Amino acid sequence: MDAEVFKKIFLPYHQKLYRIAYRIVQDSMNAEDIVQDTFIKLWNKREELDNIENTEGFAIIILRNTCLGFLRKTKIDYNINYDL
């Protein structure tokens, strides 16, 4: 998949992905960072994406997992700060 096809398929999902990320992490800057990380992960998997029938669903799953990883990491960071 080249850059033009990737943009044509995935960029229209940006607003929806942002809204989902914002609902999960409750912070606009972190939500935007997570969306950008999601696009990077999708781009890195671009050779595998030709086999995906539901690209929107796949993007949402990647986003959800990225959000959960962020929350997990943030929770650990906060616990470390409280223990000091």
PDB file of N, CA and C in Angstrom:
ATOM      1  N   MET A   1       0.857  -1.171   0.000  1.00  0.00           N
ATOM      2  CA  MET A   1       0.000   0.000   0.000  1.00  0.00           C
ATOM      3  C   MET A   1       0.902   1.233   0.000  1.00  0.00           C
ATOM      4  N   ASP A   2       0.668   2.124  -0.935  1.00  0.00           N
ATOM      5  CA  ASP A   2       1.479   3.342  -0.977  1.00  0.00           C
ATOM      6  C   ASP A   2       0.836   4.445  -0.138  1.00  0.00           C
ATOM      7  N   ALA A   3       1.525   5.560  -0.029  1.00  0.00           N
ATOM      8  CA  ALA A   3       1.093   6.656   0.844  1.00  0.00           C
ATOM      9  C   ALA A   3      -0.255   7.236   0.414  1.00  0.00           C
ATOM     10  N   GLU A   4      -0.474   7.372  -0.882  1.00  0.00           N
ATOM     11  CA  GLU A   4      -1.735   7.958  -1.356  1.00  0.00           C
ATOM     12  C   GLU A   4      -2.933   7.079  -1.016  1.00  0.00           C
ATOM     13  N   VAL A   5      -2.802   5.792  -1.211  1.00  0.00           N
ATOM     14  CA  VAL A   5      -3.887   4.864  -0.878  1.00  0.00           C
ATOM     15  C   VAL A   5      -4.109   4.853   0.629  1.00  0.00           C
ATOM     16  N   PHE A   6      -3.025   4.846   1.393  1.00  0.00           N
ATOM     17  CA  PHE A   6      -3.122   4.873   2.849  1.00  0.00           C
ATOM     18  C   PHE A   6      -3.891   6.107   3.315  1.00  0.00           C
ATOM     19  N   LYS A   7      -3.515   7.269   2.785  1.00  0.00           N
ATOM     20  CA  LYS A   7      -4.198   8.513   3.172  1.00  0.00           C
ATOM     21  C   LYS A   7      -5.667   8.480   2.783  1.00  0.00           C
ATOM     22  N   LYS A   8      -5.953   7.983   1.602  1.00  0.00           N
ATOM     23  CA  LYS A   8      -7.339   7.943   1.123  1.00  0.00           C
ATOM     24  C   LYS A   8      -8.201   7.040   2.013  1.00  0.00           C
ATOM     25  N   ILE A   9      -7.620   5.952   2.486  1.00  0.00           N
ATOM     26  CA  ILE A   9      -8.383   5.000   3.306  1.00  0.00           C
ATOM     27  C   ILE A   9      -8.496   5.467   4.750  1.00  0.00           C
ATOM     28  N   PHE A  10      -7.375   5.878   5.366  1.00  0.00           N
ATOM     29  CA  PHE A  10      -7.358   6.072   6.820  1.00  0.00           C
ATOM     30  C   PHE A  10      -7.567   7.504   7.306  1.00  0.00           C
ATOM     31  N   LEU A  11      -7.187   8.507   6.544  1.00  0.00           N
ATOM     32  CA  LEU A  11      -7.362   9.883   7.033  1.00  0.00           C
ATOM     33  C   LEU A  11      -8.818  10.265   7.304  1.00  0.00           C
ATOM     34  N   PRO A  12      -9.784   9.755   6.546  1.00  0.00           N
ATOM     35  CA  PRO A  12     -11.176  10.087   6.881  1.00  0.00           C
ATOM     36  C   PRO A  12     -11.615   9.612   8.270  1.00  0.00           C
ATOM     37  N   TYR A  13     -10.895   8.680   8.868  1.00  0.00           N
ATOM     38  CA  TYR A  13     -11.238   8.183  10.200  1.00  0.00           C
ATOM     39  C   TYR A  13     -10.676   9.050  11.321  1.00  0.00           C
ATOM     40  N   HIS A  14      -9.893  10.055  10.995  1.00  0.00           N
ATOM     41  CA  HIS A  14      -9.180  10.831  12.021  1.00  0.00           C
ATOM     42  C   HIS A  14     -10.122  11.370  13.097  1.00  0.00           C
ATOM     43  N   GLN A  15     -11.182  12.051  12.699  1.00  0.00           N
ATOM     44  CA  GLN A  15     -12.080  12.650  13.691  1.00  0.00           C
ATOM     45  C   GLN A  15     -12.737  11.597  14.582  1.00  0.00           C
ATOM     46  N   LYS A  16     -13.168  10.503  13.991  1.00  0.00           N
ATOM     47  CA  LYS A  16     -13.797   9.443  14.782  1.00  0.00           C
ATOM     48  C   LYS A  16     -12.793   8.838  15.753  1.00  0.00           C
ATOM     49  N   LEU A  17     -11.583   8.584  15.292  1.00  0.00           N
ATOM     50  CA  LEU A  17     -10.547   8.031  16.169  1.00  0.00           C
ATOM     51  C   LEU A  17     -10.238   8.997  17.312  1.00  0.00           C
ATOM     52  N   TYR A  18     -10.178  10.284  16.990  1.00  0.00           N
ATOM     53  CA  TYR A  18      -9.913  11.287  18.031  1.00  0.00           C
ATOM     54  C   TYR A  18     -11.029  11.273  19.084  1.00  0.00           C
ATOM     55  N   ARG A  19     -12.270  11.250  18.626  1.00  0.00           N
ATOM     56  CA  ARG A  19     -13.391  11.252  19.581  1.00  0.00           C
ATOM     57  C   ARG A  19     -13.348  10.020  20.492  1.00  0.00           C
ATOM     58  N   ILE A  20     -13.040   8.877  19.923  1.00  0.00           N
ATOM     59  CA  ILE A  20     -12.954   7.655  20.732  1.00  0.00           C
ATOM     60  C   ILE A  20     -11.807   7.764  21.734  1.00  0.00           C
ATOM     61  N   ALA A  21     -10.645   8.211  21.265  1.00  0.00           N
ATOM     62  CA  ALA A  21      -9.490   8.353  22.156  1.00  0.00           C
ATOM     63  C   ALA A  21      -9.784   9.350  23.269  1.00  0.00           C
ATOM     64  N   TYR A  22     -10.442  10.449  22.925  1.00  0.00           N
ATOM     65  CA  TYR A  22     -10.758  11.456  23.939  1.00  0.00           C
ATOM     66  C   TYR A  22     -11.701  10.877  24.997  1.00  0.00           C
ATOM     67  N   ARG A  23     -12.687  10.102  24.566  1.00  0.00           N
ATOM     68  CA  ARG A  23     -13.603   9.483  25.532  1.00  0.00           C
ATOM     69  C   ARG A  23     -12.869   8.537  26.475  1.00  0.00           C
ATOM     70  N   ILE A  24     -11.841   7.888  25.968  1.00  0.00           N
ATOM     71  CA  ILE A  24     -11.126   6.915  26.798  1.00  0.00           C
ATOM     72  C   ILE A  24     -10.145   7.596  27.746  1.00  0.00           C
ATOM     73  N   VAL A  25      -9.341   8.545  27.236  1.00  0.00           N
ATOM     74  CA  VAL A  25      -8.281   9.124  28.076  1.00  0.00           C
ATOM     75  C   VAL A  25      -8.670  10.450  28.714  1.00  0.00           C
ATOM     76  N   GLN A  26      -9.759  11.070  28.270  1.00  0.00           N
ATOM     77  CA  GLN A  26     -10.272  12.310  28.865  1.00  0.00           C
ATOM     78  C   GLN A  26      -9.263  13.465  28.840  1.00  0.00           C
ATOM     79  N   ASP A  27      -8.454  13.532  27.786  1.00  0.00           N
ATOM     80  CA  ASP A  27      -7.484  14.624  27.653  1.00  0.00           C
ATOM     81  C   ASP A  27      -7.236  14.843  26.166  1.00  0.00           C
ATOM     82  N   SER A  28      -7.406  16.072  25.715  1.00  0.00           N
ATOM     83  CA  SER A  28      -7.330  16.344  24.281  1.00  0.00           C
ATOM     84  C   SER A  28      -5.926  16.153  23.706  1.00  0.00           C
ATOM     85  N   MET A  29      -4.909  16.603  24.416  1.00  0.00           N
ATOM     86  CA  MET A  29      -3.550  16.464  23.888  1.00  0.00           C
ATOM     87  C   MET A  29      -3.120  14.999  23.836  1.00  0.00           C
ATOM     88  N   ASN A  30      -3.412  14.258  24.878  1.00  0.00           N
ATOM     89  CA  ASN A  30      -3.074  12.835  24.881  1.00  0.00           C
ATOM     90  C   ASN A  30      -3.877  12.085  23.826  1.00  0.00           C
ATOM     91  N   ALA A  31      -5.133  12.471  23.641  1.00  0.00           N
ATOM     92  CA  ALA A  31      -5.959  11.826  22.620  1.00  0.00           C
ATOM     93  C   ALA A  31      -5.352  12.056  21.234  1.00  0.00           C
ATOM     94  N   GLU A  32      -4.907  13.251  20.949  1.00  0.00           N
ATOM     95  CA  GLU A  32      -4.291  13.539  19.647  1.00  0.00           C
ATOM     96  C   GLU A  32      -2.991  12.754  19.484  1.00  0.00           C
ATOM     97  N   ASP A  33      -2.193  12.683  20.536  1.00  0.00           N
ATOM     98  CA  ASP A  33      -0.955  11.886  20.471  1.00  0.00           C
ATOM     99  C   ASP A  33      -1.263  10.411  20.200  1.00  0.00           C
ATOM    100  N   ILE A  34      -2.289   9.903  20.828  1.00  0.00           N
ATOM    101  CA  ILE A  34      -2.664   8.506  20.650  1.00  0.00           C
ATOM    102  C   ILE A  34      -3.145   8.261  19.215  1.00  0.00           C
ATOM    103  N   VAL A  35      -3.897   9.207  18.665  1.00  0.00           N
ATOM    104  CA  VAL A  35      -4.334   9.069  17.276  1.00  0.00           C
ATOM    105  C   VAL A  35      -3.117   9.051  16.350  1.00  0.00           C
ATOM    106  N   GLN A  36      -2.161   9.928  16.602  1.00  0.00           N
ATOM    107  CA  GLN A  36      -0.952   9.945  15.778  1.00  0.00           C
ATOM    108  C   GLN A  36      -0.181   8.623  15.914  1.00  0.00           C
ATOM    109  N   ASP A  37      -0.080   8.114  17.135  1.00  0.00           N
ATOM    110  CA  ASP A  37       0.576   6.814  17.340  1.00  0.00           C
ATOM    111  C   ASP A  37      -0.164   5.701  16.590  1.00  0.00           C
ATOM    112  N   THR A  38      -1.485   5.797  16.574  1.00  0.00           N
ATOM    113  CA  THR A  38      -2.292   4.812  15.854  1.00  0.00           C
ATOM    114  C   THR A  38      -1.990   4.856  14.364  1.00  0.00           C
ATOM    115  N   PHE A  39      -1.911   6.064  13.809  1.00  0.00           N
ATOM    116  CA  PHE A  39      -1.583   6.184  12.385  1.00  0.00           C
ATOM    117  C   PHE A  39      -0.180   5.641  12.092  1.00  0.00           C
ATOM    118  N   ILE A  40       0.740   5.850  12.988  1.00  0.00           N
ATOM    119  CA  ILE A  40       2.096   5.311  12.797  1.00  0.00           C
ATOM    120  C   ILE A  40       2.057   3.783  12.809  1.00  0.00           C
ATOM    121  N   LYS A  41       1.318   3.218  13.751  1.00  0.00           N
ATOM    122  CA  LYS A  41       1.201   1.759  13.816  1.00  0.00           C
ATOM    123  C   LYS A  41       0.537   1.207  12.561  1.00  0.00           C
ATOM    124  N   LEU A  42      -0.495   1.894  12.096  1.00  0.00           N
ATOM    125  CA  LEU A  42      -1.147   1.458  10.864  1.00  0.00           C
ATOM    126  C   LEU A  42      -0.196   1.549   9.681  1.00  0.00           C
ATOM    127  N   TRP A  43       0.558   2.636   9.596  1.00  0.00           N
ATOM    128  CA  TRP A  43       1.506   2.798   8.499  1.00  0.00           C
ATOM    129  C   TRP A  43       2.561   1.688   8.527  1.00  0.00           C
ATOM    130  N   ASN A  44       3.032   1.356   9.716  1.00  0.00           N
ATOM    131  CA  ASN A  44       4.030   0.299   9.831  1.00  0.00           C
ATOM    132  C   ASN A  44       3.477  -1.068   9.427  1.00  0.00           C
ATOM    133  N   LYS A  45       2.156  -1.230   9.486  1.00  0.00           N
ATOM    134  CA  LYS A  45       1.516  -2.483   9.080  1.00  0.00           C
ATOM    135  C   LYS A  45       0.929  -2.386   7.679  1.00  0.00           C
ATOM    136  N   ARG A  46       1.293  -1.387   6.912  1.00  0.00           N
ATOM    137  CA  ARG A  46       0.648  -1.114   5.627  1.00  0.00           C
ATOM    138  C   ARG A  46       0.701  -2.288   4.654  1.00  0.00           C
ATOM    139  N   GLU A  47       1.717  -3.117   4.725  1.00  0.00           N
ATOM    140  CA  GLU A  47       1.804  -4.257   3.813  1.00  0.00           C
ATOM    141  C   GLU A  47       0.757  -5.319   4.146  1.00  0.00           C
ATOM    142  N   GLU A  48       0.327  -5.367   5.400  1.00  0.00           N
ATOM    143  CA  GLU A  48      -0.663  -6.352   5.834  1.00  0.00           C
ATOM    144  C   GLU A  48      -2.092  -5.858   5.656  1.00  0.00           C
ATOM    145  N   LEU A  49      -2.280  -4.563   5.421  1.00  0.00           N
ATOM    146  CA  LEU A  49      -3.610  -3.966   5.421  1.00  0.00           C
ATOM    147  C   LEU A  49      -4.437  -4.318   4.198  1.00  0.00           C
ATOM    148  N   ASP A  50      -3.808  -4.805   3.152  1.00  0.00           N
ATOM    149  CA  ASP A  50      -4.565  -5.182   1.956  1.00  0.00           C
ATOM    150  C   ASP A  50      -5.514  -6.341   2.241  1.00  0.00           C
ATOM    151  N   ASN A  51      -5.214  -7.136   3.245  1.00  0.00           N
ATOM    152  CA  ASN A  51      -6.042  -8.290   3.593  1.00  0.00           C
ATOM    153  C   ASN A  51      -7.162  -7.954   4.572  1.00  0.00           C
ATOM    154  N   ILE A  52      -7.197  -6.723   5.067  1.00  0.00           N
ATOM    155  CA  ILE A  52      -8.190  -6.315   6.060  1.00  0.00           C
ATOM    156  C   ILE A  52      -9.450  -5.853   5.335  1.00  0.00           C
ATOM    157  N   GLU A  53     -10.582  -6.482   5.642  1.00  0.00           N
ATOM    158  CA  GLU A  53     -11.839  -6.094   5.013  1.00  0.00           C
ATOM    159  C   GLU A  53     -12.435  -4.838   5.644  1.00  0.00           C
ATOM    160  N   ASN A  54     -12.383  -4.749   6.966  1.00  0.00           N
ATOM    161  CA  ASN A  54     -12.973  -3.618   7.681  1.00  0.00           C
ATOM    162  C   ASN A  54     -11.852  -2.737   8.221  1.00  0.00           C
ATOM    163  N   THR A  55     -11.387  -1.814   7.407  1.00  0.00           N
ATOM    164  CA  THR A  55     -10.249  -0.982   7.809  1.00  0.00           C
ATOM    165  C   THR A  55     -10.607  -0.059   8.971  1.00  0.00           C
ATOM    166  N   GLU A  56     -11.832   0.424   9.005  1.00  0.00           N
ATOM    167  CA  GLU A  56     -12.239   1.295  10.111  1.00  0.00           C
ATOM    168  C   GLU A  56     -12.214   0.525  11.431  1.00  0.00           C
ATOM    169  N   GLY A  57     -12.767  -0.656  11.448  1.00  0.00           N
ATOM    170  CA  GLY A  57     -12.764  -1.476  12.649  1.00  0.00           C
ATOM    171  C   GLY A  57     -11.350  -1.816  13.098  1.00  0.00           C
ATOM    172  N   PHE A  58     -10.495  -2.125  12.133  1.00  0.00           N
ATOM    173  CA  PHE A  58      -9.105  -2.441  12.455  1.00  0.00           C
ATOM    174  C   PHE A  58      -8.417  -1.223  13.072  1.00  0.00           C
ATOM    175  N   ALA A  59      -8.653  -0.037  12.504  1.00  0.00           N
ATOM    176  CA  ALA A  59      -8.062   1.187  13.047  1.00  0.00           C
ATOM    177  C   ALA A  59      -8.560   1.451  14.465  1.00  0.00           C
ATOM    178  N   ILE A  60      -9.822   1.184  14.715  1.00  0.00           N
ATOM    179  CA  ILE A  60     -10.386   1.400  16.052  1.00  0.00           C
ATOM    180  C   ILE A  60      -9.777   0.431  17.054  1.00  0.00           C
ATOM    181  N   ILE A  61      -9.557  -0.804  16.656  1.00  0.00           N
ATOM    182  CA  ILE A  61      -8.929  -1.776  17.558  1.00  0.00           C
ATOM    183  C   ILE A  61      -7.503  -1.348  17.899  1.00  0.00           C
ATOM    184  N   ILE A  62      -6.749  -0.903  16.895  1.00  0.00           N
ATOM    185  CA  ILE A  62      -5.383  -0.415  17.150  1.00  0.00           C
ATOM    186  C   ILE A  62      -5.430   0.781  18.094  1.00  0.00           C
ATOM    187  N   LEU A  63      -6.376   1.691  17.863  1.00  0.00           N
ATOM    188  CA  LEU A  63      -6.531   2.873  18.722  1.00  0.00           C
ATOM    189  C   LEU A  63      -6.871   2.461  20.150  1.00  0.00           C
ATOM    190  N   ARG A  64      -7.820   1.556  20.300  1.00  0.00           N
ATOM    191  CA  ARG A  64      -8.222   1.118  21.639  1.00  0.00           C
ATOM    192  C   ARG A  64      -7.046   0.517  22.390  1.00  0.00           C
ATOM    193  N   ASN A  65      -6.290  -0.338  21.715  1.00  0.00           N
ATOM    194  CA  ASN A  65      -5.139  -0.956  22.366  1.00  0.00           C
ATOM    195  C   ASN A  65      -4.082   0.083  22.729  1.00  0.00           C
ATOM    196  N   THR A  66      -3.907   1.081  21.879  1.00  0.00           N
ATOM    197  CA  THR A  66      -2.958   2.154  22.169  1.00  0.00           C
ATOM    198  C   THR A  66      -3.432   2.967  23.375  1.00  0.00           C
ATOM    199  N   CYS A  67      -4.725   3.237  23.456  1.00  0.00           N
ATOM    200  CA  CYS A  67      -5.283   3.949  24.618  1.00  0.00           C
ATOM    201  C   CYS A  67      -5.080   3.149  25.897  1.00  0.00           C
ATOM    202  N   LEU A  68      -5.353   1.865  25.838  1.00  0.00           N
ATOM    203  CA  LEU A  68      -5.201   1.028  27.030  1.00  0.00           C
ATOM    204  C   LEU A  68      -3.744   0.966  27.471  1.00  0.00           C
ATOM    205  N   GLY A  69      -2.832   0.895  26.518  1.00  0.00           N
ATOM    206  CA  GLY A  69      -1.409   0.928  26.852  1.00  0.00           C
ATOM    207  C   GLY A  69      -1.021   2.243  27.499  1.00  0.00           C
ATOM    208  N   PHE A  70      -1.568   3.333  26.982  1.00  0.00           N
ATOM    209  CA  PHE A  70      -1.303   4.648  27.570  1.00  0.00           C
ATOM    210  C   PHE A  70      -1.817   4.711  29.002  1.00  0.00           C
ATOM    211  N   LEU A  71      -3.053   4.251  29.217  1.00  0.00           N
ATOM    212  CA  LEU A  71      -3.627   4.288  30.566  1.00  0.00           C
ATOM    213  C   LEU A  71      -2.846   3.403  31.526  1.00  0.00           C
ATOM    214  N   ARG A  72      -2.423   2.251  31.049  1.00  0.00           N
ATOM    215  CA  ARG A  72      -1.626   1.343  31.877  1.00  0.00           C
ATOM    216  C   ARG A  72      -0.317   2.019  32.274  1.00  0.00           C
ATOM    217  N   LYS A  73       0.354   2.615  31.313  1.00  0.00           N
ATOM    218  CA  LYS A  73       1.623   3.278  31.575  1.00  0.00           C
ATOM    219  C   LYS A  73       1.421   4.476  32.504  1.00  0.00           C
ATOM    220  N   THR A  74       0.385   5.242  32.281  1.00  0.00           N
ATOM    221  CA  THR A  74       0.103   6.414  33.109  1.00  0.00           C
ATOM    222  C   THR A  74      -0.198   6.004  34.537  1.00  0.00           C
ATOM    223  N   LYS A  75      -0.952   4.936  34.702  1.00  0.00           N
ATOM    224  CA  LYS A  75      -1.274   4.452  36.045  1.00  0.00           C
ATOM    225  C   LYS A  75      -0.009   4.028  36.765  1.00  0.00           C
ATOM    226  N   ILE A  76       0.867   3.338  36.083  1.00  0.00           N
ATOM    227  CA  ILE A  76       2.133   2.912  36.688  1.00  0.00           C
ATOM    228  C   ILE A  76       2.969   4.130  37.066  1.00  0.00           C
ATOM    229  N   ASP A  77       3.034   5.137  36.178  1.00  0.00           N
ATOM    230  CA  ASP A  77       3.799   6.340  36.463  1.00  0.00           C
ATOM    231  C   ASP A  77       3.250   7.052  37.693  1.00  0.00           C
ATOM    232  N   TYR A  78       1.899   7.143  37.812  1.00  0.00           N
ATOM    233  CA  TYR A  78       1.322   7.802  38.966  1.00  0.00           C
ATOM    234  C   TYR A  78       1.612   7.018  40.251  1.00  0.00           C
ATOM    235  N   ASN A  79       1.544   5.701  40.182  1.00  0.00           N
ATOM    236  CA  ASN A  79       1.848   4.887  41.361  1.00  0.00           C
ATOM    237  C   ASN A  79       3.284   5.083  41.814  1.00  0.00           C
ATOM    238  N   ILE A  80       4.187   5.213  40.896  1.00  0.00           N
ATOM    239  CA  ILE A  80       5.589   5.440  41.241  1.00  0.00           C
ATOM    240  C   ILE A  80       5.712   6.784  41.956  1.00  0.00           C
ATOM    241  N   ASN A  81       5.035   7.798  41.463  1.00  0.00           N
ATOM    242  CA  ASN A  81       5.113   9.119  42.100  1.00  0.00           C
ATOM    243  C   ASN A  81       4.514   9.116  43.499  1.00  0.00           C
ATOM    244  N   TYR A  82       3.439   8.381  43.708  1.00  0.00           N
ATOM    245  CA  TYR A  82       2.818   8.339  45.015  1.00  0.00           C
ATOM    246  C   TYR A  82       3.665   7.575  46.030  1.00  0.00           C
ATOM    247  N   ASP A  83       4.411   6.607  45.564  1.00  0.00           N
ATOM    248  CA  ASP A  83       5.229   5.814  46.479  1.00  0.00           C
ATOM    249  C   ASP A  83       6.445   6.574  46.994  1.00  0.00           C
ATOM    250  N   LEU A  84       6.805   7.644  46.309  1.00  0.00           N
ATOM    251  CA  LEU A  84       7.967   8.415  46.748  1.00  0.00           C
ATOM    252  C   LEU A  84       7.586   9.196  47.935  1.00  0.00           C
TER     253      LEU A  84
END
